[in-house]
C-alpha atoms as a PDB file:
ATOM      1  CA  MET A   1      14.484  29.509 -36.446  1.00  0.00           C
ATOM      2  CA  ASN A   2      11.202  30.711 -37.922  1.00  0.00           C
ATOM      3  CA  ALA A   3      11.804  31.824 -41.542  1.00  0.00           C
ATOM      4  CA  PHE A   4      10.168  35.212 -40.999  1.00  0.00           C
ATOM      5  CA  LEU A   5      12.252  35.982 -37.911  1.00  0.00           C
ATOM      6  CA  LEU A   6      15.366  34.687 -39.642  1.00  0.00           C
ATOM      7  CA  SER A   7      14.729  36.940 -42.639  1.00  0.00           C
ATOM      8  CA  ALA A   8      14.171  39.989 -40.424  1.00  0.00           C
ATOM      9  CA  LEU A   9      17.388  39.276 -38.515  1.00  0.00           C
ATOM     10  CA  VAL A  10      19.413  38.751 -41.688  1.00  0.00           C
ATOM     11  CA  LEU A  11      18.127  41.994 -43.206  1.00  0.00           C
ATOM     12  CA  TRP A  12      18.876  43.957 -40.030  1.00  0.00           C
ATOM     13  CA  ILE A  13      22.452  42.636 -39.887  1.00  0.00           C
ATOM     14  CA  PHE A  14      22.940  43.174 -43.629  1.00  0.00           C
ATOM     15  CA  PHE A  15      21.778  46.796 -43.688  1.00  0.00           C
ATOM     16  CA  SER A  16      23.644  47.540 -40.447  1.00  0.00           C
ATOM     17  CA  ILE A  17      26.874  46.389 -42.086  1.00  0.00           C
ATOM     18  CA  ILE A  18      26.134  48.524 -45.158  1.00  0.00           C
ATOM     19  CA  PHE A  19      25.489  51.454 -42.808  1.00  0.00           C
ATOM     20  CA  ILE A  20      28.899  51.049 -41.160  1.00  0.00           C
ATOM     21  CA  VAL A  21      30.627  50.926 -44.555  1.00  0.00           C
ATOM     22  CA  ALA A  22      28.647  53.955 -45.730  1.00  0.00           C
ATOM     23  CA  GLN A  23      29.760  55.987 -42.702  1.00  0.00           C
ATOM     24  CA  TYR A  24      33.379  55.034 -43.357  1.00  0.00           C
ATOM     25  CA  LEU A  25      33.030  56.189 -46.978  1.00  0.00           C
ATOM     26  CA  ASN A  26      30.834  59.155 -45.991  1.00  0.00           C
ATOM     27  CA  ASN A  27      28.452  58.086 -48.734  1.00  0.00           C
ATOM     28  CA  ASN A  28      24.978  56.844 -47.790  1.00  0.00           C
ATOM     29  CA  SER A  29      24.020  56.352 -51.436  1.00  0.00           C
ATOM     30  CA  ILE A  30      25.999  53.097 -51.635  1.00  0.00           C
ATOM     31  CA  VAL A  31      22.886  51.518 -50.123  1.00  0.00           C
ATOM     32  CA  ASP A  32      21.288  51.722 -53.572  1.00  0.00           C
ATOM     33  CA  SER A  33      23.663  49.042 -54.868  1.00  0.00           C
ATOM     34  CA  PHE A  34      22.629  46.626 -52.132  1.00  0.00           C
ATOM     35  CA  TRP A  35      18.848  46.926 -52.453  1.00  0.00           C
ATOM     36  CA  GLY A  36      18.716  44.001 -54.889  1.00  0.00           C
ATOM     37  CA  PRO A  37      21.236  41.775 -53.074  1.00  0.00           C
ATOM     38  CA  ALA A  38      19.192  42.114 -49.860  1.00  0.00           C
ATOM     39  CA  PHE A  39      16.396  40.108 -51.490  1.00  0.00           C
ATOM     40  CA  LEU A  40      18.819  37.558 -52.873  1.00  0.00           C
ATOM     41  CA  LEU A  41      20.258  37.106 -49.386  1.00  0.00           C
ATOM     42  CA  VAL A  42      16.776  36.443 -47.976  1.00  0.00           C
ATOM     43  CA  ALA A  43      16.084  34.019 -50.826  1.00  0.00           C
ATOM     44  CA  ILE A  44      19.310  32.062 -50.271  1.00  0.00           C
ATOM     45  CA  VAL A  45      19.028  31.939 -46.469  1.00  0.00           C
ATOM     46  CA  THR A  46      15.389  30.814 -46.438  1.00  0.00           C
ATOM     47  CA  PHE A  47      15.996  28.386 -49.315  1.00  0.00           C
ATOM     48  CA  LEU A  48      18.877  26.687 -47.480  1.00  0.00           C
ATOM     49  CA  ASN A  49      16.936  26.736 -44.204  1.00  0.00           C
ATOM     50  CA  SER A  50      13.902  25.044 -45.773  1.00  0.00           C
ATOM     51  CA  ASP A  51      12.956  21.436 -45.022  1.00  0.00           C
ATOM     52  CA  VAL A  52      11.330  21.132 -48.436  1.00  0.00           C
ATOM     53  CA  ILE A  53      13.266  22.204 -51.526  1.00  0.00           C
ATOM     54  CA  GLY A  54      10.983  21.990 -54.553  1.00  0.00           C
ATOM     55  CA  LEU A  55      10.612  23.182 -58.118  1.00  0.00           C
ATOM     56  CA  ARG A  56       8.687  26.381 -57.352  1.00  0.00           C
ATOM     57  CA  ALA A  57      11.278  27.480 -54.791  1.00  0.00           C
ATOM     58  CA  VAL A  58      14.081  26.865 -57.316  1.00  0.00           C
ATOM     59  CA  VAL A  59      12.247  28.851 -60.000  1.00  0.00           C
ATOM     60  CA  LEU A  60      11.601  31.755 -57.637  1.00  0.00           C
ATOM     61  CA  LEU A  61      15.195  31.765 -56.379  1.00  0.00           C
ATOM     62  CA  THR A  62      16.394  31.931 -59.991  1.00  0.00           C
ATOM     63  CA  MET A  63      14.065  34.821 -60.797  1.00  0.00           C
ATOM     64  CA  VAL A  64      15.158  36.801 -57.729  1.00  0.00           C
ATOM     65  CA  ALA A  65      18.850  36.070 -58.344  1.00  0.00           C
ATOM     66  CA  ILE A  66      18.760  37.278 -61.953  1.00  0.00           C
ATOM     67  CA  TRP A  67      16.900  40.460 -60.993  1.00  0.00           C
ATOM     68  CA  ALA A  68      19.100  41.198 -57.953  1.00  0.00           C
ATOM     69  CA  LEU A  69      22.477  40.579 -59.595  1.00  0.00           C
ATOM     70  CA  ARG A  70      21.620  42.571 -62.714  1.00  0.00           C
ATOM     71  CA  LEU A  71      20.392  45.498 -60.611  1.00  0.00           C
ATOM     72  CA  PHE A  72      23.478  45.348 -58.374  1.00  0.00           C
ATOM     73  CA  LEU A  73      25.863  45.392 -61.339  1.00  0.00           C
ATOM     74  CA  TYR A  74      23.968  48.121 -63.177  1.00  0.00           C
ATOM     75  CA  ILE A  75      23.778  50.512 -60.213  1.00  0.00           C
ATOM     76  CA  THR A  76      27.307  49.788 -58.990  1.00  0.00           C
ATOM     77  CA  VAL A  77      28.917  50.350 -62.398  1.00  0.00           C
ATOM     78  CA  ARG A  78      26.845  53.500 -62.950  1.00  0.00           C
ATOM     79  CA  ASN A  79      27.779  55.002 -59.570  1.00  0.00           C
ATOM     80  CA  TRP A  80      31.400  53.823 -59.344  1.00  0.00           C
ATOM     81  CA  ASN A  81      33.786  56.593 -58.208  1.00  0.00           C
ATOM     82  CA  LYS A  82      30.951  59.123 -58.177  1.00  0.00           C
ATOM     83  CA  PRO A  83      30.170  61.334 -55.159  1.00  0.00           C
ATOM     84  CA  GLU A  84      27.180  60.777 -52.925  1.00  0.00           C
ATOM     85  CA  ASP A  85      23.879  61.013 -54.792  1.00  0.00           C
ATOM     86  CA  TYR A  86      22.062  64.345 -54.489  1.00  0.00           C
ATOM     87  CA  ARG A  87      19.060  62.675 -52.796  1.00  0.00           C
ATOM     88  CA  TYR A  88      21.179  61.676 -49.820  1.00  0.00           C
ATOM     89  CA  ILE A  89      22.968  65.024 -49.764  1.00  0.00           C
ATOM     90  CA  ASN A  90      19.576  66.733 -49.492  1.00  0.00           C
ATOM     91  CA  MET A  91      18.657  64.368 -46.650  1.00  0.00           C
ATOM     92  CA  ARG A  92      21.779  65.455 -44.748  1.00  0.00           C
ATOM     93  CA  LYS A  93      20.781  69.085 -45.202  1.00  0.00           C
ATOM     94  CA  ARG A  94      17.291  68.419 -43.829  1.00  0.00           C
ATOM     95  CA  TRP A  95      18.669  66.535 -40.839  1.00  0.00           C
ATOM     96  CA  GLY A  96      20.920  69.383 -39.721  1.00  0.00           C
ATOM     97  CA  THR A  97      23.938  68.670 -37.530  1.00  0.00           C
ATOM     98  CA  SER A  98      22.314  66.781 -34.649  1.00  0.00           C
ATOM     99  CA  MET A  99      22.536  62.973 -34.550  1.00  0.00           C
ATOM    100  CA  VAL A 100      23.127  62.807 -38.313  1.00  0.00           C
ATOM    101  CA  ARG A 101      24.379  59.220 -38.303  1.00  0.00           C
ATOM    102  CA  LEU A 102      21.524  57.978 -36.138  1.00  0.00           C
ATOM    103  CA  LYS A 103      19.051  59.667 -38.474  1.00  0.00           C
ATOM    104  CA  ALA A 104      20.780  58.109 -41.488  1.00  0.00           C
ATOM    105  CA  TYR A 105      20.633  54.676 -39.855  1.00  0.00           C
ATOM    106  CA  ALA A 106      16.924  54.990 -39.065  1.00  0.00           C
ATOM    107  CA  HIS A 107      15.653  56.860 -42.129  1.00  0.00           C
ATOM    108  CA  VAL A 108      17.746  55.110 -44.782  1.00  0.00           C
ATOM    109  CA  PHE A 109      19.143  51.755 -43.700  1.00  0.00           C
ATOM    110  CA  VAL A 110      16.585  50.492 -41.180  1.00  0.00           C
ATOM    111  CA  LEU A 111      13.748  51.773 -43.358  1.00  0.00           C
ATOM    112  CA  GLN A 112      15.096  49.924 -46.388  1.00  0.00           C
ATOM    113  CA  GLY A 113      15.417  46.792 -44.286  1.00  0.00           C
ATOM    114  CA  VAL A 114      11.771  47.040 -43.201  1.00  0.00           C
ATOM    115  CA  LEU A 115      10.581  47.625 -46.759  1.00  0.00           C
ATOM    116  CA  ALA A 116      12.739  44.764 -48.019  1.00  0.00           C
ATOM    117  CA  PHE A 117      11.197  42.427 -45.445  1.00  0.00           C
ATOM    118  CA  PHE A 118       7.637  43.085 -46.603  1.00  0.00           C
ATOM    119  CA  VAL A 119       8.578  42.961 -50.280  1.00  0.00           C
ATOM    120  CA  SER A 120      10.351  39.642 -49.587  1.00  0.00           C
ATOM    121  CA  LEU A 121       7.180  37.950 -48.327  1.00  0.00           C
ATOM    122  CA  PRO A 122       6.628  35.925 -51.546  1.00  0.00           C
ATOM    123  CA  ILE A 123      10.181  34.595 -51.279  1.00  0.00           C
ATOM    124  CA  ILE A 124       9.850  33.594 -47.639  1.00  0.00           C
ATOM    125  CA  VAL A 125       6.423  32.016 -48.104  1.00  0.00           C
ATOM    126  CA  THR A 126       7.508  30.006 -51.156  1.00  0.00           C
ATOM    127  CA  ASN A 127      10.616  28.682 -49.447  1.00  0.00           C
ATOM    128  CA  THR A 128       8.565  27.502 -46.454  1.00  0.00           C
ATOM    129  CA  SER A 129       5.695  26.010 -48.460  1.00  0.00           C
ATOM    130  CA  THR A 130       5.182  22.255 -48.848  1.00  0.00           C
ATOM    131  CA  ASP A 131       3.296  22.932 -52.096  1.00  0.00           C
ATOM    132  CA  GLN A 132       6.050  23.115 -54.683  1.00  0.00           C
ATOM    133  CA  GLU A 133       4.100  22.209 -57.823  1.00  0.00           C
ATOM    134  CA  LEU A 134       3.928  24.650 -60.722  1.00  0.00           C
ATOM    135  CA  ALA A 135       0.295  25.262 -61.676  1.00  0.00           C
ATOM    136  CA  PRO A 136      -0.695  26.772 -65.063  1.00  0.00           C
ATOM    137  CA  PHE A 137      -1.205  30.249 -63.569  1.00  0.00           C
ATOM    138  CA  HIS A 138       2.354  30.146 -62.217  1.00  0.00           C
ATOM    139  CA  PHE A 139       3.607  30.125 -65.814  1.00  0.00           C
ATOM    140  CA  ALA A 140       1.645  33.347 -66.356  1.00  0.00           C
ATOM    141  CA  GLY A 141       3.710  34.825 -63.504  1.00  0.00           C
ATOM    142  CA  ILE A 142       6.935  33.612 -65.112  1.00  0.00           C
ATOM    143  CA  GLY A 143       5.812  35.167 -68.409  1.00  0.00           C
ATOM    144  CA  LEU A 144       5.055  38.492 -66.712  1.00  0.00           C
ATOM    145  CA  TRP A 145       8.467  38.387 -65.034  1.00  0.00           C
ATOM    146  CA  ILE A 146      10.157  37.834 -68.409  1.00  0.00           C
ATOM    147  CA  ILE A 147       8.277  40.794 -69.911  1.00  0.00           C
ATOM    148  CA  GLY A 148       9.352  42.954 -66.971  1.00  0.00           C
ATOM    149  CA  PHE A 149      12.954  41.773 -67.259  1.00  0.00           C
ATOM    150  CA  LEU A 150      13.043  42.689 -70.948  1.00  0.00           C
ATOM    151  CA  PHE A 151      11.568  46.134 -70.280  1.00  0.00           C
ATOM    152  CA  GLU A 152      14.066  46.822 -67.508  1.00  0.00           C
ATOM    153  CA  THR A 153      17.189  45.523 -69.226  1.00  0.00           C
ATOM    154  CA  ILE A 154      16.417  46.840 -72.713  1.00  0.00           C
ATOM    155  CA  GLY A 155      15.237  50.178 -71.339  1.00  0.00           C
ATOM    156  CA  ASP A 156      18.414  50.623 -69.287  1.00  0.00           C
ATOM    157  CA  ALA A 157      20.605  49.563 -72.235  1.00  0.00           C
ATOM    158  CA  GLN A 158      18.869  51.984 -74.608  1.00  0.00           C
ATOM    159  CA  LEU A 159      19.253  54.839 -72.128  1.00  0.00           C
ATOM    160  CA  LYS A 160      22.931  54.049 -71.547  1.00  0.00           C
ATOM    161  CA  ARG A 161      23.615  53.974 -75.287  1.00  0.00           C
ATOM    162  CA  PHE A 162      21.709  57.241 -75.771  1.00  0.00           C
ATOM    163  CA  LYS A 163      23.686  59.031 -73.045  1.00  0.00           C
ATOM    164  CA  ALA A 164      26.992  57.710 -74.406  1.00  0.00           C
ATOM    165  CA  ASP A 165      26.434  59.647 -77.649  1.00  0.00           C
ATOM    166  CA  PRO A 166      27.849  63.199 -77.210  1.00  0.00           C
ATOM    167  CA  SER A 167      25.335  64.547 -79.750  1.00  0.00           C
ATOM    168  CA  ASN A 168      22.515  63.671 -77.320  1.00  0.00           C
ATOM    169  CA  LYS A 169      23.847  65.817 -74.474  1.00  0.00           C
ATOM    170  CA  GLY A 170      20.981  67.776 -72.936  1.00  0.00           C
ATOM    171  CA  LYS A 171      18.371  65.862 -74.910  1.00  0.00           C
ATOM    172  CA  LEU A 172      15.593  63.605 -73.644  1.00  0.00           C
ATOM    173  CA  MET A 173      15.533  59.890 -74.372  1.00  0.00           C
ATOM    174  CA  MET A 174      12.297  59.304 -76.297  1.00  0.00           C
ATOM    175  CA  GLU A 175      13.250  56.391 -78.535  1.00  0.00           C
ATOM    176  CA  GLY A 176      12.919  52.611 -78.360  1.00  0.00           C
ATOM    177  CA  LEU A 177      10.874  51.486 -75.366  1.00  0.00           C
ATOM    178  CA  TRP A 178      10.939  55.069 -74.117  1.00  0.00           C
ATOM    179  CA  GLN A 179       8.393  56.065 -76.763  1.00  0.00           C
ATOM    180  CA  TYR A 180       5.813  53.753 -75.152  1.00  0.00           C
ATOM    181  CA  THR A 181       6.416  54.650 -71.508  1.00  0.00           C
ATOM    182  CA  ARG A 182       8.469  57.400 -69.905  1.00  0.00           C
ATOM    183  CA  HIS A 183       9.903  54.865 -67.462  1.00  0.00           C
ATOM    184  CA  PRO A 184      10.260  51.426 -69.107  1.00  0.00           C
ATOM    185  CA  ASN A 185      12.879  50.332 -66.569  1.00  0.00           C
ATOM    186  CA  TYR A 186      10.650  51.111 -63.596  1.00  0.00           C
ATOM    187  CA  PHE A 187       7.619  49.539 -65.247  1.00  0.00           C
ATOM    188  CA  GLY A 188       9.748  46.454 -65.889  1.00  0.00           C
ATOM    189  CA  GLU A 189      10.820  46.229 -62.264  1.00  0.00           C
ATOM    190  CA  ALA A 190       7.225  46.462 -61.050  1.00  0.00           C
ATOM    191  CA  ALA A 191       6.120  43.825 -63.565  1.00  0.00           C
ATOM    192  CA  MET A 192       8.863  41.469 -62.377  1.00  0.00           C
ATOM    193  CA  TRP A 193       7.643  41.685 -58.790  1.00  0.00           C
ATOM    194  CA  TRP A 194       4.035  41.088 -59.807  1.00  0.00           C
ATOM    195  CA  GLY A 195       5.331  38.018 -61.613  1.00  0.00           C
ATOM    196  CA  ILE A 196       7.189  36.876 -58.497  1.00  0.00           C
ATOM    197  CA  PHE A 197       4.000  37.331 -56.468  1.00  0.00           C
ATOM    198  CA  ILE A 198       1.998  35.168 -58.905  1.00  0.00           C
ATOM    199  CA  VAL A 199       4.612  32.401 -58.830  1.00  0.00           C
ATOM    200  CA  ALA A 200       4.538  32.527 -55.003  1.00  0.00           C
ATOM    201  CA  LEU A 201       0.749  32.083 -54.811  1.00  0.00           C
ATOM    202  CA  SER A 202      -0.409  28.699 -53.570  1.00  0.00           C
ATOM    203  CA  GLY A 203      -4.018  29.463 -52.685  1.00  0.00           C
ATOM    204  CA  LEU A 204      -6.227  32.204 -51.278  1.00  0.00           C
ATOM    205  CA  GLY A 205      -4.534  31.856 -47.897  1.00  0.00           C
ATOM    206  CA  SER A 206      -1.325  33.278 -49.337  1.00  0.00           C
ATOM    207  CA  PHE A 207      -2.974  36.194 -51.123  1.00  0.00           C
ATOM    208  CA  TYR A 208      -1.844  38.580 -48.365  1.00  0.00           C
ATOM    209  CA  MET A 209       1.550  38.541 -50.103  1.00  0.00           C
ATOM    210  CA  ILE A 210       0.090  41.008 -52.602  1.00  0.00           C
ATOM    211  CA  ILE A 211       1.467  43.657 -50.250  1.00  0.00           C
ATOM    212  CA  SER A 212       4.869  42.865 -51.797  1.00  0.00           C
ATOM    213  CA  PRO A 213       4.280  44.004 -55.401  1.00  0.00           C
ATOM    214  CA  ILE A 214       1.997  46.792 -54.184  1.00  0.00           C
ATOM    215  CA  ILE A 215       4.791  48.252 -52.030  1.00  0.00           C
ATOM    216  CA  MET A 216       7.331  47.900 -54.849  1.00  0.00           C
ATOM    217  CA  THR A 217       4.998  49.547 -57.368  1.00  0.00           C
ATOM    218  CA  LEU A 218       4.114  52.401 -55.004  1.00  0.00           C
ATOM    219  CA  LEU A 219       7.797  53.018 -54.247  1.00  0.00           C
ATOM    220  CA  LEU A 220       8.604  53.223 -57.947  1.00  0.00           C
ATOM    221  CA  LEU A 221       5.575  55.332 -58.847  1.00  0.00           C
ATOM    222  CA  PHE A 222       5.451  57.756 -55.930  1.00  0.00           C
ATOM    223  CA  VAL A 223       8.706  57.702 -53.935  1.00  0.00           C
ATOM    224  CA  SER A 224      12.106  56.656 -55.242  1.00  0.00           C
ATOM    225  CA  GLY A 225      11.705  56.258 -58.990  1.00  0.00           C
ATOM    226  CA  VAL A 226       9.300  58.087 -61.249  1.00  0.00           C
ATOM    227  CA  PRO A 227       8.702  61.329 -59.257  1.00  0.00           C
ATOM    228  CA  LEU A 228      12.424  62.112 -58.883  1.00  0.00           C
ATOM    229  CA  LEU A 229      13.039  61.996 -62.628  1.00  0.00           C
ATOM    230  CA  GLU A 230       9.771  63.738 -63.476  1.00  0.00           C
ATOM    231  CA  LYS A 231      10.716  66.573 -61.109  1.00  0.00           C
ATOM    232  CA  LYS A 232      14.177  66.787 -62.689  1.00  0.00           C
ATOM    233  CA  TYR A 233      12.757  67.576 -66.127  1.00  0.00           C
ATOM    234  CA  ALA A 234       9.696  69.585 -65.062  1.00  0.00           C
ATOM    235  CA  GLY A 235       9.438  72.930 -66.821  1.00  0.00           C
ATOM    236  CA  ARG A 236      11.194  71.850 -70.017  1.00  0.00           C
ATOM    237  CA  GLU A 237       9.236  72.287 -73.241  1.00  0.00           C
ATOM    238  CA  ASP A 238      10.477  69.015 -74.727  1.00  0.00           C
ATOM    239  CA  PHE A 239       9.475  67.142 -71.579  1.00  0.00           C
ATOM    240  CA  ALA A 240       6.033  68.772 -71.576  1.00  0.00           C
ATOM    241  CA  ALA A 241       5.523  67.584 -75.163  1.00  0.00           C
ATOM    242  CA  TYR A 242       6.832  64.142 -74.204  1.00  0.00           C
ATOM    243  CA  THR A 243       4.335  63.830 -71.343  1.00  0.00           C
ATOM    244  CA  LYS A 244       1.430  64.647 -73.669  1.00  0.00           C
ATOM    245  CA  ARG A 245       2.131  61.797 -76.066  1.00  0.00           C
ATOM    246  CA  THR A 246       3.775  59.151 -73.860  1.00  0.00           C
ATOM    247  CA  ASN A 247       2.300  57.334 -70.853  1.00  0.00           C
ATOM    248  CA  LYS A 248       4.046  57.884 -67.546  1.00  0.00           C
ATOM    249  CA  PHE A 249       4.267  54.254 -66.459  1.00  0.00           C
ATOM    250  CA  PHE A 250       2.159  51.643 -68.250  1.00  0.00           C
ATOM    251  CA  PRO A 251       3.325  51.138 -71.841  1.00  0.00           C
ATOM    252  CA  TRP A 252       1.034  52.123 -74.684  1.00  0.00           C
ATOM    253  CA  PHE A 253       1.310  53.488 -78.177  1.00  0.00           C
ATOM    254  CA  PRO A 254       2.248  57.203 -78.369  1.00  0.00           C
ATOM    255  CA  LYS A 255      -0.696  59.581 -78.540  1.00  0.00           C
ATOM    256  CA  MET A 256      -1.167  61.753 -81.584  1.00  0.00           C
ATOM    257  CA  THR A 257      -0.609  65.404 -80.707  1.00  0.00           C
ATOM    258  CA  LYS A 258      -1.158  68.589 -82.668  1.00  0.00           C
ATOM    259  CA  SER A 259       2.034  70.147 -83.943  1.00  0.00           C
END
């Protein structure tokens, strides 16, 4: 089967199964845990279905696997035994009482499957390419991925440690990587996908795959990541001061502000 059709079919089946489980648990937010594994599933299926298994495909599969498994474990442990996330509760309220499950299937699970397909383009293209050599610019992509991985993992670890300290209850995390960007974990995730895109490039003909990191970055910046947290802390004096000296997304040294 064509790798693109195979990937679309696999994602549809995968998110449909997650939908069924979510309805049984009455918790649509479990889909968050399986966002990462969806990409790993595409990577494994297209890798095994490929006629040519080369070095670049192995490198990309490794990068996707590390990102996906870490994200799955982090979100699953964080949300274990917790009620449905407020975002999905608010969705239920907006949907009303008519065809709630159908709306959940379309607006949450099918939508995530569609987004995952387009973000997965670098994976699919690499696993179907006969050009498996690593060019010098591919190492730049690997380096960018490593930087993103460090930002995401260290940022999440610093935040977890900060929240675990009872003396920090009600306070904002503004230390470590969080003094250079208000969202080091989200910046790291975007950087990782730009790195994946660079590793997947094999010529100008494959440049259309840039839609993948663009979609991921836009989702983080304007939909599911940054705006939700920014809205949560809007109106607080400490957050207002934080926004004046610390970049929202791209890391940079804190700005000097008047006391």
